């Protein structure tokens, strides 16, 4: 294809999305240009607006267009509970359950020495200040159950133990509706250890 610089830039831009390879990026680009030009323009405007208007909440670090997000400002939330998550997507998943009514702190990542991500890169100092504000009584560690997520939870819990806060970790175990013979052995082992 001659003179397809804009198309190639679109494909390369779509490849930046997680889980999108060359073929998927090409399919998306061709679809938008061939069948949904208005959708392409709407997507471009939405990306432009989000990139310029969305920032981090000054209190919890999640995405918001305001200085402080609606969750942090909600007087109906339990301000004595602070749930630490890795990403805004994790926060959103917890919110969709409707089971948690406390506040959050979003790390925007996890400790990963191999990738050069240390405690200072996650803003742990800001988390510790927030957790020790005199209002927070319990810190719920809701990092993922990966090696990096576990290391992140461990570093946070060690730093906060001496501060007199109640520290809890999300439970893990056998998913509801599953059969034991199909559950991986690590999950079964953790379920036995954390049984109640």
N, C-alpha and C. Protein backbone atom coordinates (compact mmCIF):
# COMPACT_ATOMS: atom_id res chain seq x y z
N UNK A 1 0.84 -1.19 0.00
CA UNK A 1 0.00 0.00 0.00
C UNK A 1 0.89 1.25 0.00
N UNK A 2 0.78 1.99 -1.03
CA UNK A 2 1.55 3.23 -1.10
C UNK A 2 0.83 4.32 -0.32
N UNK A 3 1.60 5.25 0.21
CA UNK A 3 1.05 6.40 0.93
C UNK A 3 0.07 6.01 2.03
N UNK A 4 0.39 5.01 2.80
CA UNK A 4 -0.49 4.57 3.88
C UNK A 4 0.11 4.91 5.24
N UNK A 5 0.79 6.04 5.31
CA UNK A 5 1.46 6.43 6.56
C UNK A 5 0.46 6.57 7.71
N UNK A 6 -0.66 7.22 7.47
CA UNK A 6 -1.66 7.41 8.53
C UNK A 6 -2.23 6.08 8.98
N UNK A 7 -2.48 5.19 8.04
CA UNK A 7 -2.99 3.86 8.38
C UNK A 7 -1.97 3.09 9.21
N UNK A 8 -0.72 3.15 8.82
CA UNK A 8 0.33 2.45 9.57
C UNK A 8 0.48 3.04 10.98
N UNK A 9 0.38 4.35 11.09
CA UNK A 9 0.45 4.98 12.42
C UNK A 9 -0.72 4.52 13.28
N UNK A 10 -1.92 4.39 12.70
CA UNK A 10 -3.09 3.91 13.44
C UNK A 10 -2.85 2.48 13.92
N UNK A 11 -2.37 1.63 13.04
CA UNK A 11 -2.10 0.22 13.40
C UNK A 11 -1.06 0.16 14.52
N UNK A 12 0.01 0.90 14.39
CA UNK A 12 1.05 0.90 15.42
C UNK A 12 0.52 1.44 16.75
N UNK A 13 -0.36 2.43 16.68
CA UNK A 13 -0.95 2.97 17.90
C UNK A 13 -1.86 1.95 18.58
N UNK A 14 -2.67 1.24 17.80
CA UNK A 14 -3.55 0.21 18.36
C UNK A 14 -2.76 -0.94 18.96
N UNK A 15 -1.59 -1.24 18.41
CA UNK A 15 -0.74 -2.31 18.95
C UNK A 15 -0.26 -2.01 20.36
N UNK A 16 -0.30 -0.76 20.77
CA UNK A 16 0.15 -0.40 22.12
C UNK A 16 -0.80 -0.90 23.20
N UNK A 17 -2.03 -1.23 22.81
CA UNK A 17 -3.01 -1.72 23.78
C UNK A 17 -2.63 -3.13 24.23
N UNK A 18 -2.89 -3.47 25.50
CA UNK A 18 -2.52 -4.80 25.99
C UNK A 18 -3.28 -5.90 25.25
N UNK A 19 -2.56 -6.93 24.86
CA UNK A 19 -3.18 -8.08 24.20
C UNK A 19 -3.50 -7.87 22.73
N UNK A 20 -3.09 -6.74 22.16
CA UNK A 20 -3.37 -6.46 20.76
C UNK A 20 -2.08 -6.61 19.95
N UNK A 21 -2.09 -7.58 19.06
CA UNK A 21 -0.95 -7.79 18.16
C UNK A 21 -1.20 -7.12 16.82
N UNK A 22 -0.31 -7.40 15.87
CA UNK A 22 -0.39 -6.77 14.55
C UNK A 22 -1.71 -7.11 13.86
N UNK A 23 -2.08 -8.38 13.84
CA UNK A 23 -3.30 -8.80 13.13
C UNK A 23 -4.55 -8.13 13.73
N UNK A 24 -4.65 -8.15 15.07
CA UNK A 24 -5.82 -7.52 15.72
C UNK A 24 -5.84 -6.02 15.45
N UNK A 25 -4.69 -5.39 15.52
CA UNK A 25 -4.61 -3.95 15.27
C UNK A 25 -5.03 -3.64 13.83
N UNK A 26 -4.61 -4.46 12.90
CA UNK A 26 -5.01 -4.26 11.51
C UNK A 26 -6.51 -4.42 11.34
N UNK A 27 -7.08 -5.47 11.96
CA UNK A 27 -8.53 -5.68 11.86
C UNK A 27 -9.30 -4.49 12.42
N UNK A 28 -8.87 -3.98 13.57
CA UNK A 28 -9.55 -2.83 14.16
C UNK A 28 -9.44 -1.61 13.26
N UNK A 29 -8.24 -1.34 12.78
CA UNK A 29 -8.02 -0.17 11.92
C UNK A 29 -8.85 -0.27 10.65
N UNK A 30 -8.81 -1.42 9.99
CA UNK A 30 -9.57 -1.60 8.75
C UNK A 30 -11.08 -1.48 9.02
N UNK A 31 -11.53 -2.05 10.12
CA UNK A 31 -12.96 -1.95 10.45
C UNK A 31 -13.38 -0.50 10.64
N UNK A 32 -12.61 0.23 11.45
CA UNK A 32 -12.97 1.62 11.71
C UNK A 32 -12.98 2.46 10.44
N UNK A 33 -11.98 2.26 9.58
CA UNK A 33 -11.89 3.07 8.37
C UNK A 33 -12.86 2.63 7.28
N UNK A 34 -13.16 1.34 7.24
CA UNK A 34 -14.03 0.83 6.19
C UNK A 34 -15.52 0.91 6.57
N UNK A 35 -15.83 0.62 7.83
CA UNK A 35 -17.24 0.47 8.22
C UNK A 35 -17.74 1.49 9.24
N UNK A 36 -16.85 2.19 9.94
CA UNK A 36 -17.31 3.03 11.04
C UNK A 36 -16.44 4.27 11.20
N UNK A 37 -16.42 5.10 10.18
CA UNK A 37 -15.60 6.32 10.26
C UNK A 37 -16.08 7.24 11.39
N UNK A 38 -17.39 7.30 11.59
CA UNK A 38 -17.91 8.13 12.68
C UNK A 38 -17.45 7.58 14.03
N UNK A 39 -17.44 6.25 14.17
CA UNK A 39 -16.93 5.62 15.38
C UNK A 39 -15.46 5.92 15.59
N UNK A 40 -14.69 5.96 14.50
CA UNK A 40 -13.27 6.29 14.59
C UNK A 40 -13.08 7.71 15.10
N UNK A 41 -13.89 8.62 14.61
CA UNK A 41 -13.79 10.02 15.06
C UNK A 41 -14.24 10.17 16.51
N UNK A 42 -15.29 9.43 16.89
CA UNK A 42 -15.76 9.45 18.28
C UNK A 42 -14.68 8.91 19.20
N UNK A 43 -14.05 7.82 18.80
CA UNK A 43 -12.94 7.23 19.57
C UNK A 43 -11.79 8.22 19.70
N UNK A 44 -11.44 8.88 18.62
CA UNK A 44 -10.35 9.85 18.65
C UNK A 44 -10.66 11.01 19.61
N UNK A 45 -11.90 11.50 19.56
CA UNK A 45 -12.28 12.60 20.46
C UNK A 45 -12.26 12.14 21.92
N UNK A 46 -12.77 10.93 22.17
CA UNK A 46 -12.79 10.40 23.54
C UNK A 46 -11.38 10.22 24.09
N UNK A 47 -10.48 9.69 23.26
CA UNK A 47 -9.09 9.52 23.70
C UNK A 47 -8.44 10.86 23.98
N UNK A 48 -8.68 11.83 23.10
CA UNK A 48 -8.11 13.17 23.29
C UNK A 48 -8.62 13.80 24.58
N UNK A 49 -9.93 13.70 24.83
CA UNK A 49 -10.51 14.29 26.04
C UNK A 49 -9.97 13.60 27.29
N UNK A 50 -9.91 12.27 27.27
CA UNK A 50 -9.43 11.54 28.45
C UNK A 50 -7.96 11.87 28.72
N UNK A 51 -7.16 11.90 27.66
CA UNK A 51 -5.73 12.17 27.84
C UNK A 51 -5.48 13.57 28.40
N UNK A 52 -6.35 14.52 28.06
CA UNK A 52 -6.12 15.88 28.56
C UNK A 52 -6.85 16.18 29.87
N UNK A 53 -7.96 15.49 30.16
CA UNK A 53 -8.78 15.84 31.33
C UNK A 53 -8.62 14.91 32.54
N UNK A 54 -8.26 13.67 32.32
CA UNK A 54 -8.20 12.71 33.42
C UNK A 54 -6.84 12.81 34.11
N UNK A 55 -6.89 12.85 35.44
CA UNK A 55 -5.67 12.93 36.24
C UNK A 55 -5.83 12.01 37.45
N UNK A 56 -4.88 12.09 38.37
CA UNK A 56 -4.93 11.26 39.58
C UNK A 56 -5.57 12.04 40.72
N UNK A 57 -6.42 11.35 41.48
CA UNK A 57 -7.01 11.92 42.69
C UNK A 57 -5.88 12.23 43.66
N UNK A 58 -5.94 13.38 44.30
CA UNK A 58 -4.89 13.79 45.24
C UNK A 58 -4.86 12.94 46.51
N UNK A 59 -5.99 12.28 46.83
CA UNK A 59 -6.04 11.48 48.05
C UNK A 59 -5.76 10.00 47.80
N UNK A 60 -6.39 9.43 46.76
CA UNK A 60 -6.29 7.97 46.59
C UNK A 60 -5.53 7.56 45.34
N UNK A 61 -5.25 8.51 44.46
CA UNK A 61 -4.43 8.27 43.27
C UNK A 61 -5.17 7.59 42.12
N UNK A 62 -6.49 7.39 42.23
CA UNK A 62 -7.24 6.79 41.13
C UNK A 62 -7.45 7.82 40.04
N UNK A 63 -8.07 7.43 38.95
CA UNK A 63 -8.36 8.37 37.86
C UNK A 63 -9.60 9.20 38.19
N UNK A 64 -9.52 10.47 37.88
CA UNK A 64 -10.64 11.39 38.09
C UNK A 64 -10.42 12.63 37.23
N UNK A 65 -11.46 13.40 37.02
CA UNK A 65 -11.32 14.69 36.34
C UNK A 65 -11.24 15.82 37.36
N UNK A 66 -11.57 15.52 38.61
CA UNK A 66 -11.53 16.54 39.67
C UNK A 66 -10.24 16.37 40.47
N UNK A 67 -9.99 17.32 41.38
CA UNK A 67 -8.81 17.20 42.25
C UNK A 67 -8.93 15.98 43.15
N UNK A 68 -10.14 15.79 43.70
CA UNK A 68 -10.41 14.65 44.58
C UNK A 68 -11.59 13.90 44.00
N UNK A 69 -11.48 12.58 43.90
CA UNK A 69 -12.51 11.77 43.25
C UNK A 69 -13.80 11.70 44.08
N UNK A 70 -14.87 11.27 43.43
CA UNK A 70 -16.18 11.18 44.07
C UNK A 70 -16.17 10.18 45.22
N UNK A 71 -15.41 9.10 45.11
CA UNK A 71 -15.36 8.09 46.18
C UNK A 71 -14.77 8.70 47.44
N UNK A 72 -13.66 9.41 47.31
CA UNK A 72 -13.03 10.03 48.48
C UNK A 72 -13.91 11.09 49.12
N UNK A 73 -14.75 11.75 48.33
CA UNK A 73 -15.62 12.81 48.84
C UNK A 73 -16.95 12.30 49.38
N UNK A 74 -17.25 11.03 49.15
CA UNK A 74 -18.54 10.46 49.53
C UNK A 74 -18.64 10.31 51.06
N UNK A 75 -19.53 11.07 51.72
CA UNK A 75 -19.64 10.99 53.18
C UNK A 75 -20.25 9.66 53.65
N UNK A 76 -20.85 8.90 52.74
CA UNK A 76 -21.45 7.60 53.09
C UNK A 76 -20.42 6.49 53.16
N UNK A 77 -19.19 6.74 52.70
CA UNK A 77 -18.15 5.72 52.73
C UNK A 77 -17.58 5.60 54.14
N UNK A 78 -17.06 4.43 54.48
CA UNK A 78 -16.43 4.19 55.77
C UNK A 78 -14.98 4.65 55.69
N UNK A 79 -14.69 5.80 56.27
CA UNK A 79 -13.36 6.39 56.19
C UNK A 79 -12.34 5.70 57.09
N UNK A 80 -12.78 4.74 57.90
CA UNK A 80 -11.84 4.02 58.77
C UNK A 80 -11.21 2.83 58.05
N UNK A 81 -11.70 2.51 56.85
CA UNK A 81 -11.16 1.39 56.07
C UNK A 81 -10.50 1.91 54.81
N UNK A 82 -9.29 1.42 54.54
CA UNK A 82 -8.54 1.82 53.35
C UNK A 82 -8.09 0.56 52.62
N UNK A 83 -8.59 0.37 51.42
CA UNK A 83 -8.27 -0.80 50.61
C UNK A 83 -7.20 -0.43 49.60
N UNK A 84 -6.09 -1.14 49.61
CA UNK A 84 -4.97 -0.87 48.72
C UNK A 84 -5.06 -1.81 47.51
N UNK A 85 -5.16 -1.22 46.32
CA UNK A 85 -5.23 -2.00 45.07
C UNK A 85 -4.12 -1.55 44.14
N UNK A 86 -3.85 -2.39 43.13
CA UNK A 86 -2.78 -2.08 42.19
C UNK A 86 -3.21 -1.07 41.13
N UNK A 87 -4.44 -1.19 40.63
CA UNK A 87 -4.85 -0.37 39.49
C UNK A 87 -6.30 0.13 39.65
N UNK A 88 -6.67 1.16 38.89
CA UNK A 88 -8.07 1.59 38.89
C UNK A 88 -9.01 0.47 38.42
N UNK A 89 -8.54 -0.43 37.56
CA UNK A 89 -9.36 -1.57 37.12
C UNK A 89 -9.67 -2.49 38.30
N UNK A 90 -8.69 -2.70 39.19
CA UNK A 90 -8.92 -3.51 40.39
C UNK A 90 -9.93 -2.82 41.30
N UNK A 91 -9.81 -1.51 41.45
CA UNK A 91 -10.77 -0.74 42.26
C UNK A 91 -12.17 -0.89 41.68
N UNK A 92 -12.28 -0.78 40.39
CA UNK A 92 -13.57 -0.90 39.72
C UNK A 92 -14.18 -2.29 39.95
N UNK A 93 -13.35 -3.33 39.90
CA UNK A 93 -13.85 -4.69 40.13
C UNK A 93 -14.40 -4.82 41.55
N UNK A 94 -13.69 -4.28 42.53
CA UNK A 94 -14.18 -4.33 43.92
C UNK A 94 -15.47 -3.54 44.07
N UNK A 95 -15.55 -2.40 43.43
CA UNK A 95 -16.75 -1.57 43.51
C UNK A 95 -17.97 -2.28 42.93
N UNK A 96 -17.76 -3.02 41.84
CA UNK A 96 -18.88 -3.72 41.20
C UNK A 96 -19.48 -4.79 42.10
N UNK A 97 -18.72 -5.28 43.07
CA UNK A 97 -19.27 -6.30 43.97
C UNK A 97 -20.30 -5.70 44.90
N UNK A 98 -20.18 -4.41 45.22
CA UNK A 98 -21.08 -3.76 46.17
C UNK A 98 -20.83 -4.19 47.61
N UNK A 99 -19.78 -4.98 47.85
CA UNK A 99 -19.51 -5.53 49.18
C UNK A 99 -18.59 -4.64 50.02
N UNK A 100 -17.95 -3.65 49.42
CA UNK A 100 -17.00 -2.82 50.14
C UNK A 100 -17.45 -1.37 50.08
N UNK A 101 -17.50 -0.71 51.22
CA UNK A 101 -17.95 0.69 51.28
C UNK A 101 -16.92 1.61 51.91
N UNK A 102 -15.67 1.18 51.96
CA UNK A 102 -14.61 2.01 52.50
C UNK A 102 -13.95 2.84 51.41
N UNK A 103 -12.76 3.32 51.70
CA UNK A 103 -12.00 4.13 50.75
C UNK A 103 -10.87 3.30 50.14
N UNK A 104 -10.18 3.88 49.18
CA UNK A 104 -9.14 3.17 48.44
C UNK A 104 -7.84 3.96 48.40
N UNK A 105 -6.76 3.22 48.12
CA UNK A 105 -5.51 3.83 47.67
C UNK A 105 -5.05 2.99 46.49
N UNK A 106 -4.86 3.63 45.34
CA UNK A 106 -4.48 2.94 44.11
C UNK A 106 -2.98 3.14 43.87
N UNK A 107 -2.23 2.05 43.88
CA UNK A 107 -0.78 2.11 43.73
C UNK A 107 -0.34 2.47 42.31
N UNK A 108 -1.15 2.18 41.33
CA UNK A 108 -0.81 2.34 39.91
C UNK A 108 0.37 1.45 39.52
N UNK A 109 0.41 0.26 40.12
CA UNK A 109 1.45 -0.70 39.78
C UNK A 109 1.72 -1.63 40.95
N UNK A 110 2.85 -2.30 40.86
CA UNK A 110 3.27 -3.23 41.90
C UNK A 110 4.79 -3.25 41.91
N UNK A 111 5.36 -3.68 43.03
CA UNK A 111 6.81 -3.78 43.11
C UNK A 111 7.30 -4.80 42.09
N UNK A 112 8.29 -4.43 41.33
CA UNK A 112 8.85 -5.32 40.32
C UNK A 112 10.30 -4.92 40.07
N UNK A 113 11.21 -5.41 40.92
CA UNK A 113 12.62 -5.02 40.78
C UNK A 113 13.19 -5.30 39.39
N UNK A 114 12.75 -6.38 38.74
CA UNK A 114 13.26 -6.70 37.41
C UNK A 114 12.87 -5.64 36.38
N UNK A 115 11.74 -4.97 36.63
CA UNK A 115 11.30 -3.90 35.73
C UNK A 115 11.71 -2.53 36.25
N UNK A 116 12.47 -2.50 37.34
CA UNK A 116 12.93 -1.24 37.90
C UNK A 116 11.89 -0.49 38.69
N UNK A 117 10.86 -1.19 39.19
CA UNK A 117 9.80 -0.54 39.98
C UNK A 117 10.03 -0.85 41.45
N UNK A 118 10.41 0.18 42.20
CA UNK A 118 10.66 0.03 43.63
C UNK A 118 9.62 0.77 44.45
N UNK A 119 9.76 0.77 45.78
CA UNK A 119 8.79 1.44 46.67
C UNK A 119 8.57 2.92 46.35
N UNK A 120 9.62 3.63 45.98
CA UNK A 120 9.46 5.07 45.68
C UNK A 120 8.65 5.29 44.41
N UNK A 121 8.72 4.34 43.46
CA UNK A 121 7.97 4.48 42.21
C UNK A 121 6.47 4.30 42.42
N UNK A 122 6.08 3.60 43.49
CA UNK A 122 4.66 3.37 43.76
C UNK A 122 4.05 4.42 44.67
N UNK A 123 4.83 5.33 45.16
CA UNK A 123 4.30 6.35 46.05
C UNK A 123 3.89 5.79 47.40
N UNK A 124 4.66 4.82 47.90
CA UNK A 124 4.31 4.20 49.17
C UNK A 124 4.35 5.19 50.32
N UNK A 125 5.19 6.21 50.23
CA UNK A 125 5.25 7.23 51.28
C UNK A 125 3.88 7.90 51.43
N UNK A 126 3.27 8.21 50.29
CA UNK A 126 1.94 8.85 50.31
C UNK A 126 0.90 7.89 50.91
N UNK A 127 1.01 6.60 50.58
CA UNK A 127 0.11 5.60 51.16
C UNK A 127 0.28 5.55 52.67
N UNK A 128 1.52 5.52 53.14
CA UNK A 128 1.76 5.43 54.58
C UNK A 128 1.23 6.66 55.30
N UNK A 129 1.39 7.84 54.71
CA UNK A 129 0.84 9.07 55.30
C UNK A 129 -0.68 8.98 55.39
N UNK A 130 -1.30 8.50 54.32
CA UNK A 130 -2.76 8.37 54.29
C UNK A 130 -3.24 7.36 55.32
N UNK A 131 -2.56 6.22 55.39
CA UNK A 131 -2.96 5.16 56.32
C UNK A 131 -2.80 5.60 57.77
N UNK A 132 -1.89 6.51 58.02
CA UNK A 132 -1.62 6.95 59.39
C UNK A 132 -2.20 8.34 59.68
N UNK A 133 -3.32 8.65 59.03
CA UNK A 133 -3.92 9.98 59.19
C UNK A 133 -4.75 10.13 60.46
N UNK A 134 -4.84 9.05 61.26
CA UNK A 134 -5.61 9.09 62.50
C UNK A 134 -7.06 8.68 62.31
N UNK A 135 -7.52 8.58 61.07
CA UNK A 135 -8.89 8.16 60.78
C UNK A 135 -8.92 6.69 60.38
N UNK A 136 -7.96 6.29 59.56
CA UNK A 136 -7.91 4.91 59.07
C UNK A 136 -7.59 3.96 60.23
N UNK A 137 -8.40 2.92 60.37
CA UNK A 137 -8.20 1.91 61.41
C UNK A 137 -7.74 0.57 60.83
N UNK A 138 -8.19 0.29 59.59
CA UNK A 138 -7.86 -0.98 58.94
C UNK A 138 -7.38 -0.73 57.52
N UNK A 139 -6.28 -1.39 57.17
CA UNK A 139 -5.77 -1.35 55.80
C UNK A 139 -5.97 -2.75 55.22
N UNK A 140 -6.72 -2.80 54.12
CA UNK A 140 -7.01 -4.07 53.45
C UNK A 140 -6.09 -4.15 52.24
N UNK A 141 -5.23 -5.16 52.23
CA UNK A 141 -4.29 -5.33 51.12
C UNK A 141 -4.96 -6.18 50.05
N UNK A 142 -5.29 -5.54 48.93
CA UNK A 142 -6.00 -6.22 47.85
C UNK A 142 -5.15 -6.24 46.58
N UNK A 143 -3.84 -6.42 46.75
CA UNK A 143 -2.99 -6.58 45.58
C UNK A 143 -3.22 -7.97 45.01
N UNK A 144 -2.83 -8.15 43.76
CA UNK A 144 -3.05 -9.43 43.08
C UNK A 144 -2.21 -10.53 43.70
N UNK A 145 -2.63 -11.77 43.49
CA UNK A 145 -1.93 -12.92 44.05
C UNK A 145 -0.85 -13.44 43.10
N UNK A 146 -0.06 -12.50 42.57
CA UNK A 146 1.12 -12.83 41.77
C UNK A 146 2.33 -12.66 42.67
N UNK A 147 3.50 -13.06 42.20
CA UNK A 147 4.71 -12.90 43.01
C UNK A 147 4.93 -11.42 43.33
N UNK A 148 4.73 -10.55 42.34
CA UNK A 148 4.94 -9.12 42.56
C UNK A 148 3.87 -8.54 43.49
N UNK A 149 2.62 -8.99 43.33
CA UNK A 149 1.54 -8.52 44.19
C UNK A 149 1.74 -8.95 45.63
N UNK A 150 2.21 -10.18 45.82
CA UNK A 150 2.49 -10.68 47.16
C UNK A 150 3.65 -9.90 47.79
N UNK A 151 4.69 -9.63 47.01
CA UNK A 151 5.83 -8.86 47.52
C UNK A 151 5.39 -7.45 47.90
N UNK A 152 4.54 -6.86 47.09
CA UNK A 152 4.03 -5.52 47.37
C UNK A 152 3.23 -5.52 48.68
N UNK A 153 2.35 -6.50 48.84
CA UNK A 153 1.56 -6.61 50.07
C UNK A 153 2.46 -6.81 51.28
N UNK A 154 3.51 -7.61 51.12
CA UNK A 154 4.43 -7.88 52.24
C UNK A 154 5.16 -6.60 52.67
N UNK A 155 5.67 -5.86 51.69
CA UNK A 155 6.40 -4.62 52.01
C UNK A 155 5.47 -3.63 52.72
N UNK A 156 4.26 -3.49 52.23
CA UNK A 156 3.30 -2.56 52.85
C UNK A 156 2.96 -3.02 54.26
N UNK A 157 2.69 -4.31 54.43
CA UNK A 157 2.30 -4.80 55.76
C UNK A 157 3.44 -4.67 56.76
N UNK A 158 4.65 -4.94 56.33
CA UNK A 158 5.80 -4.79 57.25
C UNK A 158 5.97 -3.34 57.68
N UNK A 159 5.78 -2.41 56.75
CA UNK A 159 5.94 -0.99 57.07
C UNK A 159 4.82 -0.47 57.97
N UNK A 160 3.62 -1.05 57.85
CA UNK A 160 2.48 -0.54 58.62
C UNK A 160 2.25 -1.27 59.94
N UNK A 161 2.85 -2.45 60.10
CA UNK A 161 2.64 -3.24 61.33
C UNK A 161 2.96 -2.45 62.59
N UNK A 162 4.04 -1.72 62.55
CA UNK A 162 4.50 -0.99 63.73
C UNK A 162 3.64 0.23 64.04
N UNK A 163 2.71 0.56 63.18
CA UNK A 163 1.93 1.79 63.35
C UNK A 163 0.58 1.55 64.03
N UNK A 164 0.33 0.34 64.49
CA UNK A 164 -0.88 0.05 65.25
C UNK A 164 -2.15 -0.07 64.43
N UNK A 165 -2.03 -0.25 63.14
CA UNK A 165 -3.21 -0.41 62.29
C UNK A 165 -3.55 -1.89 62.16
N UNK A 166 -4.83 -2.15 61.95
CA UNK A 166 -5.24 -3.53 61.65
C UNK A 166 -4.97 -3.77 60.18
N UNK A 167 -4.21 -4.81 59.87
CA UNK A 167 -3.88 -5.16 58.49
C UNK A 167 -4.56 -6.45 58.12
N UNK A 168 -5.28 -6.44 56.99
CA UNK A 168 -5.91 -7.66 56.50
C UNK A 168 -5.54 -7.84 55.04
N UNK A 169 -5.69 -9.07 54.55
CA UNK A 169 -5.38 -9.40 53.16
C UNK A 169 -6.61 -10.06 52.56
N UNK A 170 -6.90 -9.78 51.31
CA UNK A 170 -8.02 -10.45 50.65
C UNK A 170 -7.85 -11.95 50.80
N UNK A 171 -8.95 -12.65 51.06
CA UNK A 171 -8.90 -14.11 51.14
C UNK A 171 -8.74 -14.68 49.74
N UNK A 172 -8.19 -15.86 49.68
CA UNK A 172 -8.10 -16.55 48.39
C UNK A 172 -8.47 -18.00 48.61
N UNK A 173 -8.97 -18.61 47.59
CA UNK A 173 -9.38 -19.99 47.74
C UNK A 173 -10.12 -20.50 46.52
N UNK A 174 -10.90 -21.53 46.74
CA UNK A 174 -11.61 -22.20 45.66
C UNK A 174 -12.76 -21.31 45.19
N UNK A 175 -12.83 -21.04 43.88
CA UNK A 175 -13.92 -20.21 43.37
C UNK A 175 -15.28 -20.87 43.57
N UNK A 176 -16.28 -20.06 43.83
CA UNK A 176 -17.65 -20.58 43.99
C UNK A 176 -18.08 -21.26 42.70
N UNK A 177 -18.73 -22.42 42.84
CA UNK A 177 -19.23 -23.15 41.69
C UNK A 177 -18.21 -24.04 41.00
N UNK A 178 -17.01 -24.12 41.56
CA UNK A 178 -15.98 -24.95 40.91
C UNK A 178 -15.91 -26.33 41.54
N UNK A 179 -15.31 -27.26 40.82
CA UNK A 179 -15.09 -28.61 41.32
C UNK A 179 -13.62 -28.76 41.67
N UNK A 180 -13.34 -29.34 42.83
CA UNK A 180 -11.96 -29.43 43.32
C UNK A 180 -11.00 -30.08 42.33
N UNK A 181 -11.45 -31.10 41.61
CA UNK A 181 -10.52 -31.80 40.73
C UNK A 181 -10.00 -30.91 39.60
N UNK A 182 -10.70 -29.79 39.32
CA UNK A 182 -10.28 -28.89 38.25
C UNK A 182 -9.58 -27.63 38.74
N UNK A 183 -9.47 -27.48 40.06
CA UNK A 183 -8.82 -26.30 40.65
C UNK A 183 -7.33 -26.59 40.80
N UNK A 184 -6.48 -25.57 40.48
CA UNK A 184 -5.04 -25.81 40.58
C UNK A 184 -4.63 -26.07 42.03
N UNK A 185 -3.55 -26.81 42.20
CA UNK A 185 -3.12 -27.27 43.52
C UNK A 185 -2.74 -26.12 44.45
N UNK A 186 -2.15 -25.06 43.90
CA UNK A 186 -1.78 -23.91 44.74
C UNK A 186 -3.01 -23.26 45.36
N UNK A 187 -4.08 -23.15 44.59
CA UNK A 187 -5.32 -22.56 45.11
C UNK A 187 -5.92 -23.43 46.20
N UNK A 188 -5.90 -24.74 45.99
CA UNK A 188 -6.44 -25.66 47.00
C UNK A 188 -5.61 -25.57 48.29
N UNK A 189 -4.29 -25.51 48.15
CA UNK A 189 -3.41 -25.41 49.32
C UNK A 189 -3.70 -24.14 50.11
N UNK A 190 -3.83 -23.00 49.40
CA UNK A 190 -4.12 -21.74 50.10
C UNK A 190 -5.50 -21.79 50.74
N UNK A 191 -6.46 -22.42 50.09
CA UNK A 191 -7.80 -22.53 50.65
C UNK A 191 -7.78 -23.34 51.95
N UNK A 192 -6.96 -24.39 51.99
CA UNK A 192 -6.85 -25.19 53.22
C UNK A 192 -6.22 -24.38 54.34
N UNK A 193 -5.15 -23.67 54.03
CA UNK A 193 -4.45 -22.87 55.05
C UNK A 193 -5.34 -21.75 55.57
N UNK A 194 -6.07 -21.09 54.67
CA UNK A 194 -6.91 -19.95 55.05
C UNK A 194 -8.35 -20.32 55.35
N UNK A 195 -8.60 -21.61 55.63
CA UNK A 195 -9.99 -22.05 55.85
C UNK A 195 -10.58 -21.37 57.08
N UNK A 196 -11.91 -21.26 57.10
CA UNK A 196 -12.59 -20.66 58.25
C UNK A 196 -13.82 -21.44 58.57
